[in-house]
Amino acid sequence: MSARDSIGLVGGGVIGAGWAARFLLDGHDCAVFDPDPGLARKLDAVLANARRARAKLMPGVAVPEGRLRIAASVADAAAGASFVVESLPEVEDLKVRVLAEIDAAAAPDVVVASSTSGLLPTRLAAGMAHPERLVVGHPFNPVYLLPLVEVCGGERTAPAALDRAAALYGQVGLRVLRVRKEVDGFVADRLLEALWREALWLVADGVATTEEIDDAIRYGAGLRWSFMGTFLTYRLAGGEAGMRHFLAQFGPALKLPWTKLVAPELTDALVDRVSDQSDAQAAGASIRDLERKRDDCLVAVLSGLRGQDYAAGAVVASHERALRGREPAGGAARDTLPQDTLPQDTLPQTWAGAVPPDWIDYNGHMTEHRFLQCFGEATDALLRRIGVDAAYLATRRSFYTVETHIMHRGEAREGEALAVDTQVLGADGKRLHLFHRLRRAGDGTELASAEQMLLHVDTAAGRSVAAEGAVRDAMAALAREHAGMERPEAAGRSVGVR
């Protein structure tokens, strides 16, 4: 698959719109078909949530979005696509019929993926002339944030189709879980169904309310599950003796009648009870309000795990590195700031983003450490521009910041678009002297500046060394390019009272 594929999406509900958002934010063009007359509005709402979440999870990432088109029909969405995703309701007859339409319209070598959460791909491919290209790519809501997709093939699915689907999913930041055997519900939904079934029984029997059941998960086991899952959690419960000891100690409890093993009948009374309790639990919050709270909390969890480079956090970190590697030269898009606000047209714009709500402090404006974050990410973008990438870091060479001086000149408010431009004041092989300006993107007003001195280091030896090769040459070239520019008035300033 190429860096910018054309994705055909059939079905624009919660899952289909989530797929569109993930693909679009990664730069892929999307054509979406759904007969729902409210499709455009719903896509806009999901995209707004996705952009908001991406900006919070990966601030400053500036990969150009793909183009969105509303398709006129199933065939219109599939024709010309390099990958097609079906995300219709879980009605087998409907999926079989529409997948056959997609199969007839898409080029023979195009992989077709169903988002089904549990229907068998062998049965879904029954009406297709090319069943070898059908795969299941089962995502999790919200698709634009949760980094898991279950991939499963049917009896006639070609291994190459599974590999191509997995490659594309990996490219857009997903952890691919290959389902070893074609089975109803795959892996995750079999586990989720068991929990859902027992939760319904607890409500039906009057043991607990919907809120109490959710509390039992979100204050306890759910926190562990988010990074360790089930088996690693129970391994720890076995102590130093591990899983074997845990099974010996708690295995007999499996014979106790703790679970029903069959689902309760969804009587009108049970449906009313669950619905009424859920309404009370929501306390008047709208679906959009709850979605944003869900996304904010997911971003917090994923960001924390990214700091540990563990579980889903490692997937997010890898995806962010890949996206930053695809940014335009110099980092952020060049058209964020009006050119007449820059001291020189050649200054690289190294960071761009909007101020998210959690960057706002008790004074109602962007808190001070976020300014440093913006400048730090701008420095990283400039370093990538001169060749300090993952391969270079693997040679145990890098730059360390040894001094930073920040001046605050204005306030940044929630939602404001900001951008950083960077001037190289000097470079001598070991030292890199930078001056950043953070501006309001709309009018170019300077809100803050940062002067930084960096040293090139041997990270294994823990000492400064001269840069070599392409990085040294790129440093020198950028320094020469900026040598004729006017030196910023604030450069070299120290804190003091005038």
Protein backbone atom coordinates (compact mmCIF):
# COMPACT_ATOMS: atom_id res chain seq x y z
CA MET A 1 0.00 0.00 0.00
CA SER A 2 1.21 3.50 -0.75
CA ALA A 3 1.59 6.49 1.56
CA ARG A 4 -1.66 7.95 0.22
CA ASP A 5 -4.21 5.28 -0.66
CA SER A 6 -7.79 5.80 -1.74
CA ILE A 7 -10.09 4.11 0.75
CA GLY A 8 -13.65 3.14 -0.12
CA LEU A 9 -15.96 3.03 2.89
CA VAL A 10 -19.43 1.50 2.75
CA GLY A 11 -21.38 2.34 5.90
CA GLY A 12 -20.99 5.63 7.73
CA GLY A 13 -22.27 4.84 11.20
CA VAL A 14 -20.20 4.90 14.38
CA ILE A 15 -17.65 2.40 13.06
CA GLY A 16 -17.60 3.53 9.43
CA ALA A 17 -17.19 7.17 10.41
CA GLY A 18 -14.46 6.17 12.86
CA TRP A 19 -12.61 4.38 10.07
CA ALA A 20 -12.96 7.46 7.86
CA ALA A 21 -11.46 9.63 10.60
CA ARG A 22 -8.49 7.33 11.18
CA PHE A 23 -7.68 7.06 7.48
CA LEU A 24 -8.21 10.77 6.77
CA LEU A 25 -6.03 11.94 9.66
CA ASP A 26 -3.26 9.71 8.34
CA GLY A 27 -3.47 11.33 4.92
CA HIS A 28 -5.56 8.80 2.97
CA ASP A 29 -8.37 9.93 0.67
CA CYS A 30 -11.78 8.46 1.54
CA ALA A 31 -15.02 7.98 -0.39
CA VAL A 32 -17.91 7.13 1.96
CA PHE A 33 -21.33 5.78 1.03
CA ASP A 34 -24.30 5.45 3.34
CA PRO A 35 -27.96 6.02 2.42
CA ASP A 36 -28.46 7.98 5.65
CA PRO A 37 -29.38 11.59 4.66
CA GLY A 38 -27.55 12.79 7.77
CA LEU A 39 -24.26 11.18 6.71
CA ALA A 40 -22.32 14.41 6.11
CA ARG A 41 -23.35 15.87 9.47
CA LYS A 42 -22.43 12.68 11.34
CA LEU A 43 -19.09 12.42 9.58
CA ASP A 44 -18.33 16.03 10.49
CA ALA A 45 -19.12 15.35 14.15
CA VAL A 46 -16.90 12.26 14.33
CA LEU A 47 -14.11 14.02 12.45
CA ALA A 48 -14.29 16.93 14.89
CA ASN A 49 -13.91 14.52 17.80
CA ALA A 50 -11.07 12.72 16.05
CA ARG A 51 -9.15 15.91 15.26
CA ARG A 52 -9.59 17.06 18.83
CA ALA A 53 -8.31 13.74 20.19
CA ARG A 54 -5.38 13.57 17.76
CA ALA A 55 -4.30 17.11 18.67
CA LYS A 56 -4.28 16.16 22.36
CA LEU A 57 -2.57 12.80 21.84
CA MET A 58 0.02 13.97 19.31
CA PRO A 59 0.27 17.77 19.61
CA GLY A 60 2.19 19.39 16.79
CA VAL A 61 1.96 16.48 14.35
CA ALA A 62 1.30 18.12 10.99
CA VAL A 63 0.57 15.44 8.40
CA PRO A 64 -1.84 16.82 5.75
CA GLU A 65 -5.26 15.19 5.94
CA GLY A 66 -6.70 13.13 3.12
CA ARG A 67 -9.68 14.31 1.08
CA LEU A 68 -13.21 13.23 1.99
CA ARG A 69 -15.87 12.57 -0.64
CA ILE A 70 -19.47 11.46 -0.16
CA ALA A 71 -20.04 8.66 -2.66
CA ALA A 72 -23.31 8.28 -4.55
CA SER A 73 -23.56 4.50 -4.27
CA VAL A 74 -21.83 1.34 -3.11
CA ALA A 75 -20.24 1.01 -6.54
CA ASP A 76 -19.10 4.64 -6.49
CA ALA A 77 -17.33 4.13 -3.16
CA ALA A 78 -15.65 0.91 -4.28
CA ALA A 79 -14.67 1.82 -7.83
CA GLY A 80 -11.17 3.25 -7.96
CA ALA A 81 -10.43 2.44 -4.31
CA SER A 82 -7.21 0.67 -3.37
CA PHE A 83 -8.83 -0.77 -0.21
CA VAL A 84 -12.52 -1.11 0.69
CA VAL A 85 -14.05 -1.31 4.16
CA GLU A 86 -17.63 -2.47 4.84
CA SER A 87 -19.13 -1.29 8.15
CA LEU A 88 -22.83 -2.17 7.97
CA PRO A 89 -25.11 -3.37 10.80
CA GLU A 90 -24.51 -6.93 12.03
CA VAL A 91 -27.13 -8.47 9.73
CA GLU A 92 -25.58 -11.32 7.78
CA ASP A 93 -27.92 -11.25 4.77
CA LEU A 94 -27.37 -7.50 4.36
CA LYS A 95 -23.61 -7.83 4.57
CA VAL A 96 -23.53 -10.74 2.10
CA ARG A 97 -25.56 -8.76 -0.44
CA VAL A 98 -23.55 -5.53 -0.13
CA LEU A 99 -20.20 -7.31 -0.11
CA ALA A 100 -21.21 -8.90 -3.41
CA GLU A 101 -21.92 -5.39 -4.77
CA ILE A 102 -18.52 -4.20 -3.58
CA ASP A 103 -16.89 -7.25 -5.13
CA ALA A 104 -18.50 -6.49 -8.48
CA ALA A 105 -17.37 -2.84 -8.46
CA ALA A 106 -13.85 -3.00 -7.02
CA ALA A 107 -10.81 -3.88 -9.10
CA PRO A 108 -9.99 -7.62 -8.80
CA ASP A 109 -6.76 -7.05 -6.85
CA VAL A 110 -8.33 -4.79 -4.20
CA VAL A 111 -8.69 -6.19 -0.67
CA VAL A 112 -12.19 -5.93 0.81
CA ALA A 113 -12.45 -5.79 4.60
CA SER A 114 -15.54 -6.29 6.74
CA SER A 115 -15.72 -4.57 10.13
CA THR A 116 -17.99 -7.29 11.51
CA SER A 117 -17.55 -7.89 15.21
CA GLY A 118 -18.28 -11.59 15.04
CA LEU A 119 -19.78 -12.94 11.80
CA LEU A 120 -17.75 -15.55 9.95
CA PRO A 121 -15.89 -14.34 6.85
CA THR A 122 -16.51 -17.63 5.04
CA ARG A 123 -20.25 -17.00 5.22
CA LEU A 124 -19.92 -13.30 4.40
CA ALA A 125 -18.04 -14.13 1.19
CA ALA A 126 -20.83 -16.42 -0.07
CA GLY A 127 -21.96 -14.01 -2.81
CA MET A 128 -18.52 -12.80 -3.91
CA ALA A 129 -16.89 -13.80 -7.19
CA HIS A 130 -13.50 -13.14 -5.56
CA PRO A 131 -13.84 -14.53 -2.00
CA GLU A 132 -10.07 -14.78 -1.75
CA ARG A 133 -9.86 -11.02 -1.16
CA LEU A 134 -12.28 -10.81 1.77
CA VAL A 135 -10.80 -10.30 5.22
CA VAL A 136 -12.29 -9.29 8.54
CA GLY A 137 -10.78 -6.17 10.08
CA HIS A 138 -12.67 -5.81 13.35
CA PRO A 139 -11.89 -2.44 15.04
CA PHE A 140 -12.94 -1.03 18.39
CA ASN A 141 -14.85 2.16 19.09
CA PRO A 142 -13.62 4.88 18.83
CA VAL A 143 -11.76 3.58 15.80
CA TYR A 144 -9.71 6.78 15.54
CA LEU A 145 -8.24 6.26 19.03
CA LEU A 146 -8.22 2.59 20.06
CA PRO A 147 -5.21 0.94 18.42
CA LEU A 148 -6.45 -2.65 17.98
CA VAL A 149 -7.87 -4.45 14.96
CA GLU A 150 -8.62 -8.16 14.81
CA VAL A 151 -7.78 -9.63 11.41
CA CYS A 152 -9.36 -12.92 10.36
CA GLY A 153 -9.72 -14.78 7.09
CA GLY A 154 -12.28 -17.25 5.81
CA GLU A 155 -11.81 -20.66 4.22
CA ARG A 156 -11.01 -19.11 0.83
CA THR A 157 -9.20 -15.95 1.94
CA ALA A 158 -5.77 -15.66 0.32
CA PRO A 159 -2.85 -15.23 2.75
CA ALA A 160 -1.68 -12.30 0.62
CA ALA A 161 -4.96 -10.48 1.29
CA LEU A 162 -4.48 -10.88 5.03
CA ASP A 163 -0.91 -9.60 4.75
CA ARG A 164 -1.93 -6.56 2.69
CA ALA A 165 -4.72 -5.67 5.10
CA ALA A 166 -2.40 -6.05 8.09
CA ALA A 167 0.19 -3.83 6.41
CA LEU A 168 -2.32 -1.01 5.84
CA TYR A 169 -3.72 -1.30 9.36
CA GLY A 170 -0.20 -1.11 10.77
CA GLN A 171 0.52 1.93 8.63
CA VAL A 172 -2.39 3.84 10.21
CA GLY A 173 -1.28 3.04 13.75
CA LEU A 174 -3.15 -0.15 14.60
CA ARG A 175 -1.92 -3.21 16.48
CA VAL A 176 -2.96 -6.17 14.34
CA LEU A 177 -4.21 -9.22 16.23
CA ARG A 178 -4.28 -12.18 13.83
CA VAL A 179 -7.12 -14.52 14.78
CA ARG A 180 -5.68 -18.02 14.41
CA LYS A 181 -8.98 -19.80 13.72
CA GLU A 182 -12.20 -18.61 12.15
CA VAL A 183 -14.58 -18.53 15.10
CA ASP A 184 -17.78 -16.65 15.95
CA GLY A 185 -17.01 -13.46 17.85
CA PHE A 186 -13.26 -13.76 17.22
CA VAL A 187 -11.24 -13.09 20.41
CA ALA A 188 -12.19 -9.78 22.01
CA ASP A 189 -15.95 -9.95 21.55
CA ARG A 190 -16.14 -13.45 23.01
CA LEU A 191 -14.60 -12.01 26.16
CA LEU A 192 -16.76 -8.89 26.07
CA GLU A 193 -19.92 -10.93 25.51
CA ALA A 194 -19.20 -12.99 28.62
CA LEU A 195 -18.82 -9.86 30.73
CA TRP A 196 -21.92 -8.27 29.17
CA ARG A 197 -23.98 -11.40 29.80
CA GLU A 198 -23.07 -11.54 33.49
CA ALA A 199 -23.63 -7.80 33.87
CA LEU A 200 -27.17 -8.18 32.52
CA TRP A 201 -27.82 -10.99 35.00
CA LEU A 202 -26.65 -8.80 37.89
CA VAL A 203 -29.15 -6.12 36.85
CA ALA A 204 -31.92 -8.65 36.17
CA ASP A 205 -31.46 -10.26 39.59
CA GLY A 206 -31.37 -6.90 41.36
CA VAL A 207 -27.82 -7.47 42.60
CA ALA A 208 -26.40 -4.21 41.22
CA THR A 209 -27.33 -1.21 39.10
CA THR A 210 -25.68 -0.32 35.79
CA GLU A 211 -23.61 2.36 37.55
CA GLU A 212 -22.46 0.00 40.29
CA ILE A 213 -21.40 -2.58 37.71
CA ASP A 214 -19.47 0.05 35.75
CA ASP A 215 -17.83 1.20 39.00
CA ALA A 216 -16.72 -2.38 39.68
CA ILE A 217 -14.80 -2.27 36.40
CA ARG A 218 -13.54 1.30 36.11
CA TYR A 219 -12.25 1.60 39.69
CA GLY A 220 -10.73 -1.87 39.77
CA ALA A 221 -10.02 -4.54 37.21
CA GLY A 222 -10.45 -2.26 34.21
CA LEU A 223 -7.42 -0.19 35.19
CA ARG A 224 -5.23 -3.31 35.20
CA TRP A 225 -6.77 -4.66 32.02
CA SER A 226 -5.84 -1.51 30.12
CA PHE A 227 -2.18 -2.44 30.11
CA MET A 228 -1.82 -6.03 31.39
CA GLY A 229 -4.92 -7.82 30.21
CA THR A 230 -6.19 -10.93 31.98
CA PHE A 231 -3.39 -13.48 32.02
CA LEU A 232 -0.54 -11.17 33.06
CA THR A 233 -2.77 -9.80 35.83
CA TYR A 234 -3.46 -13.29 37.16
CA ARG A 235 0.21 -14.21 36.80
CA LEU A 236 0.98 -11.50 39.35
CA ALA A 237 -1.77 -12.89 41.59
CA GLY A 238 0.24 -16.12 41.72
CA GLY A 239 3.13 -14.29 43.33
CA GLU A 240 6.70 -15.44 42.78
CA ALA A 241 5.47 -18.93 41.84
CA GLY A 242 3.68 -17.45 38.83
CA MET A 243 0.75 -18.70 36.79
CA ARG A 244 1.04 -22.37 37.74
CA HIS A 245 0.61 -21.50 41.41
CA PHE A 246 -2.33 -19.22 40.64
CA LEU A 247 -4.11 -21.99 38.71
CA ALA A 248 -3.51 -24.49 41.50
CA GLN A 249 -4.82 -22.07 44.13
CA PHE A 250 -7.82 -20.60 42.34
CA GLY A 251 -8.60 -23.20 39.69
CA PRO A 252 -11.11 -25.06 41.90
CA ALA A 253 -13.18 -21.86 42.12
CA LEU A 254 -14.06 -22.34 38.44
CA LYS A 255 -16.44 -25.10 39.54
CA LEU A 256 -18.33 -22.74 41.84
CA PRO A 257 -21.64 -21.37 40.51
CA TRP A 258 -20.42 -17.79 40.09
CA THR A 259 -21.60 -17.32 36.52
CA LYS A 260 -24.80 -18.11 34.64
CA LEU A 261 -23.13 -19.15 31.34
CA VAL A 262 -26.32 -18.35 29.42
CA ALA A 263 -27.76 -14.93 28.66
CA PRO A 264 -30.89 -13.67 30.42
CA GLU A 265 -34.02 -13.17 28.37
CA LEU A 266 -34.30 -9.54 27.31
CA THR A 267 -37.82 -9.04 28.61
CA ASP A 268 -39.51 -5.66 28.39
CA ALA A 269 -39.00 -5.29 32.12
CA LEU A 270 -35.24 -5.91 31.88
CA VAL A 271 -34.88 -3.57 28.91
CA ASP A 272 -36.75 -0.86 30.82
CA ARG A 273 -34.64 -1.40 33.93
CA VAL A 274 -31.32 -1.23 32.09
CA SER A 275 -32.41 1.77 30.02
CA ASP A 276 -33.77 3.72 32.99
CA GLN A 277 -30.68 3.05 35.10
CA SER A 278 -28.40 4.01 32.21
CA ASP A 279 -30.32 7.27 31.72
CA ALA A 280 -29.94 8.07 35.41
CA GLN A 281 -26.25 7.19 35.29
CA ALA A 282 -25.66 9.57 32.34
CA ALA A 283 -27.16 12.40 34.44
CA GLY A 284 -28.30 14.38 31.42
CA ALA A 285 -24.98 14.33 29.58
CA SER A 286 -25.41 14.20 25.80
CA ILE A 287 -23.87 11.50 23.64
CA ARG A 288 -21.38 14.05 22.27
CA ASP A 289 -20.44 15.13 25.82
CA LEU A 290 -19.84 11.51 26.82
CA GLU A 291 -17.85 10.86 23.65
CA ARG A 292 -15.55 13.79 24.39
CA LYS A 293 -15.09 12.68 28.00
CA ARG A 294 -14.35 9.14 26.78
CA ASP A 295 -11.81 10.48 24.28
CA ASP A 296 -10.13 12.74 26.84
CA CYS A 297 -9.74 9.83 29.26
CA LEU A 298 -8.47 7.51 26.53
CA VAL A 299 -5.91 10.14 25.53
CA ALA A 300 -4.80 10.37 29.16
CA VAL A 301 -4.42 6.58 29.44
CA LEU A 302 -2.65 6.25 26.08
CA SER A 303 -0.34 9.15 26.90
CA GLY A 304 0.57 7.56 30.22
CA LEU A 305 1.25 4.21 28.58
CA ARG A 306 3.27 5.94 25.86
CA GLY A 307 5.52 7.31 28.59
CA GLN A 308 6.10 3.71 29.69
CA ASP A 309 6.52 2.55 26.06
CA TYR A 310 4.21 -0.31 27.00
CA ALA A 311 1.12 -2.03 25.60
CA ALA A 312 -1.09 0.39 23.64
CA GLY A 313 1.28 3.23 24.50
CA ALA A 314 4.07 1.59 22.51
CA VAL A 315 1.76 1.38 19.49
CA VAL A 316 0.90 5.08 19.80
CA ALA A 317 4.56 6.04 20.15
CA SER A 318 5.51 4.07 17.04
CA HIS A 319 2.64 5.62 15.08
CA GLU A 320 3.62 9.14 16.15
CA ARG A 321 7.23 8.57 15.07
CA ALA A 322 6.03 7.38 11.67
CA LEU A 323 3.73 10.39 11.25
CA ARG A 324 6.44 12.86 12.20
CA GLY A 325 8.68 11.23 9.63
CA ARG A 326 6.08 12.09 6.98
CA GLU A 327 5.77 15.77 7.93
CA PRO A 328 6.70 18.36 5.29
CA ALA A 329 10.31 19.56 5.39
CA GLY A 330 10.92 21.63 8.49
CA GLY A 331 8.09 20.01 10.43
CA ALA A 332 4.74 21.74 10.28
CA ALA A 333 2.89 22.83 7.18
CA ARG A 334 4.37 26.01 5.73
CA ASP A 335 1.09 27.87 5.28
CA THR A 336 0.09 28.11 8.96
CA LEU A 337 1.59 31.57 9.52
CA PRO A 338 1.12 34.61 7.27
CA GLN A 339 4.46 35.00 5.48
CA ASP A 340 4.60 38.75 6.07
CA THR A 341 4.73 38.12 9.84
CA LEU A 342 7.99 36.16 9.62
CA PRO A 343 11.30 37.99 9.98
CA GLN A 344 12.57 36.10 6.91
CA ASP A 345 10.65 33.98 4.41
CA THR A 346 13.18 31.20 4.79
CA LEU A 347 12.60 30.56 8.50
CA PRO A 348 11.39 26.99 8.95
CA GLN A 349 8.06 26.56 10.68
CA THR A 350 8.74 23.74 13.11
CA TRP A 351 5.53 23.25 15.08
CA ALA A 352 1.83 23.93 14.62
CA GLY A 353 -1.23 23.02 16.67
CA ALA A 354 -4.29 24.24 18.53
CA VAL A 355 -4.49 24.80 22.29
CA PRO A 356 -6.44 21.87 23.82
CA PRO A 357 -8.61 22.32 26.93
CA ASP A 358 -6.20 20.52 29.27
CA TRP A 359 -3.46 23.05 28.48
CA ILE A 360 -5.49 25.80 30.17
CA ASP A 361 -4.61 26.73 33.76
CA TYR A 362 -6.54 28.45 36.57
CA ASN A 363 -5.94 31.84 34.92
CA GLY A 364 -7.85 30.79 31.83
CA HIS A 365 -4.91 30.70 29.44
CA MET A 366 -2.24 28.22 28.31
CA THR A 367 -0.12 27.19 31.27
CA GLU A 368 3.61 27.88 31.23
CA HIS A 369 5.03 24.38 30.85
CA ARG A 370 3.04 23.92 27.62
CA PHE A 371 5.05 26.75 26.06
CA LEU A 372 8.19 24.74 26.78
CA GLN A 373 6.51 21.66 25.30
CA CYS A 374 5.80 23.53 22.06
CA PHE A 375 9.37 24.78 21.87
CA GLY A 376 10.76 21.35 22.68
CA GLU A 377 8.74 19.75 19.91
CA ALA A 378 9.86 22.51 17.54
CA THR A 379 13.46 21.66 18.40
CA ASP A 380 12.77 17.98 17.71
CA ALA A 381 11.30 18.89 14.31
CA LEU A 382 14.38 20.92 13.41
CA LEU A 383 16.64 18.05 14.50
CA ARG A 384 14.71 15.65 12.31
CA ARG A 385 15.17 18.08 9.45
CA ILE A 386 18.97 17.90 9.79
CA GLY A 387 18.91 14.11 9.98
CA VAL A 388 18.56 13.25 13.67
CA ASP A 389 16.09 10.43 13.10
CA ALA A 390 15.63 6.98 14.66
CA ALA A 391 18.53 5.54 12.67
CA TYR A 392 20.83 8.33 13.82
CA LEU A 393 19.78 7.95 17.45
CA ALA A 394 20.52 4.23 17.19
CA THR A 395 24.20 5.14 16.63
CA ARG A 396 24.19 6.58 20.19
CA ARG A 397 24.48 10.15 18.95
CA SER A 398 21.99 12.88 19.81
CA PHE A 399 21.56 16.46 21.02
CA TYR A 400 20.97 17.46 24.64
CA THR A 401 19.52 20.83 25.64
CA VAL A 402 21.82 22.57 28.12
CA GLU A 403 20.10 25.95 28.46
CA THR A 404 16.69 27.45 27.68
CA HIS A 405 15.41 30.99 28.19
CA ILE A 406 11.69 31.64 27.60
CA MET A 407 10.03 35.05 27.36
CA HIS A 408 6.23 35.29 27.60
CA ARG A 409 4.78 38.17 25.59
CA GLY A 410 1.09 37.29 25.26
CA GLU A 411 -1.61 34.83 26.21
CA ALA A 412 -2.80 31.75 24.31
CA ARG A 413 -6.44 30.77 24.75
CA GLU A 414 -8.23 27.45 24.35
CA GLY A 415 -8.72 26.49 20.72
CA GLU A 416 -6.33 29.10 19.30
CA ALA A 417 -4.13 27.91 16.45
CA LEU A 418 -0.44 28.43 17.17
CA ALA A 419 2.79 27.91 15.24
CA VAL A 420 6.51 28.09 15.93
CA ASP A 421 9.21 29.36 13.57
CA THR A 422 12.86 28.68 14.32
CA GLN A 423 16.05 30.60 13.58
CA VAL A 424 19.53 29.07 13.86
CA LEU A 425 21.75 31.64 15.56
CA GLY A 426 24.87 29.52 15.38
CA ALA A 427 26.35 26.05 14.91
CA ASP A 428 29.94 24.93 15.37
CA GLY A 429 29.77 21.16 15.13
CA LYS A 430 29.18 20.52 18.82
CA ARG A 431 26.82 23.38 19.66
CA LEU A 432 23.50 24.32 18.08
CA HIS A 433 22.09 27.73 19.09
CA LEU A 434 18.36 28.20 18.34
CA PHE A 435 15.78 30.94 18.70
CA HIS A 436 12.09 29.97 18.55
CA ARG A 437 9.08 32.27 18.24
CA LEU A 438 5.60 31.04 19.14
CA ARG A 439 2.93 32.96 17.25
CA ARG A 440 -0.83 33.09 16.94
CA ALA A 441 -1.44 31.52 13.54
CA GLY A 442 -4.27 33.84 12.54
CA ASP A 443 -2.38 37.14 12.69
CA GLY A 444 1.21 36.16 13.45
CA THR A 445 1.26 37.89 16.86
CA GLU A 446 4.31 36.72 18.83
CA LEU A 447 3.19 35.20 22.14
CA ALA A 448 6.48 33.82 23.41
CA SER A 449 10.08 33.16 22.43
CA ALA A 450 12.67 30.62 23.52
CA GLU A 451 16.43 30.73 23.13
CA GLN A 452 18.07 27.32 23.41
CA MET A 453 21.60 25.95 23.39
CA LEU A 454 22.03 22.30 22.47
CA LEU A 455 25.12 20.10 22.64
CA HIS A 456 25.80 17.16 20.34
CA VAL A 457 26.59 14.16 22.54
CA ASP A 458 27.73 10.57 22.56
CA THR A 459 24.88 9.12 24.65
CA ALA A 460 26.83 5.96 25.48
CA ALA A 461 29.82 7.86 26.86
CA GLY A 462 27.76 10.69 28.32
CA ARG A 463 29.96 13.46 26.88
CA SER A 464 29.84 16.02 24.11
CA VAL A 465 31.34 15.15 20.73
CA ALA A 466 31.37 16.83 17.35
CA ALA A 467 28.64 15.89 14.90
CA GLU A 468 29.79 14.06 11.80
CA GLY A 469 28.66 13.28 8.29
CA ALA A 470 25.28 14.36 6.96
CA VAL A 471 24.08 15.80 10.28
CA ARG A 472 27.19 17.99 10.58
CA ASP A 473 26.77 19.17 6.99
CA ALA A 474 23.05 19.91 7.46
CA MET A 475 23.77 21.89 10.65
CA ALA A 476 26.35 23.98 8.84
CA ALA A 477 24.11 24.54 5.82
CA LEU A 478 21.21 25.74 7.96
CA ALA A 479 23.50 28.03 9.96
CA ARG A 480 24.83 29.57 6.73
CA GLU A 481 21.27 29.99 5.44
CA HIS A 482 20.29 31.96 8.56
CA ALA A 483 23.58 33.84 8.99
CA GLY A 484 22.40 36.93 7.14
CA MET A 485 19.17 37.29 9.08
CA GLU A 486 18.61 40.00 11.64
CA ARG A 487 19.47 38.74 15.10
CA PRO A 488 16.40 38.71 17.40
CA GLU A 489 16.42 41.58 19.88
CA ALA A 490 15.75 39.19 22.76
CA ALA A 491 18.63 36.85 21.91
CA GLY A 492 21.19 36.67 24.71
CA ARG A 493 18.90 38.25 27.24
CA SER A 494 18.93 37.09 30.86
CA VAL A 495 16.36 37.48 33.61
CA GLY A 496 16.68 40.81 35.36
CA VAL A 497 14.93 43.98 36.57
CA ARG A 498 15.25 47.04 34.32
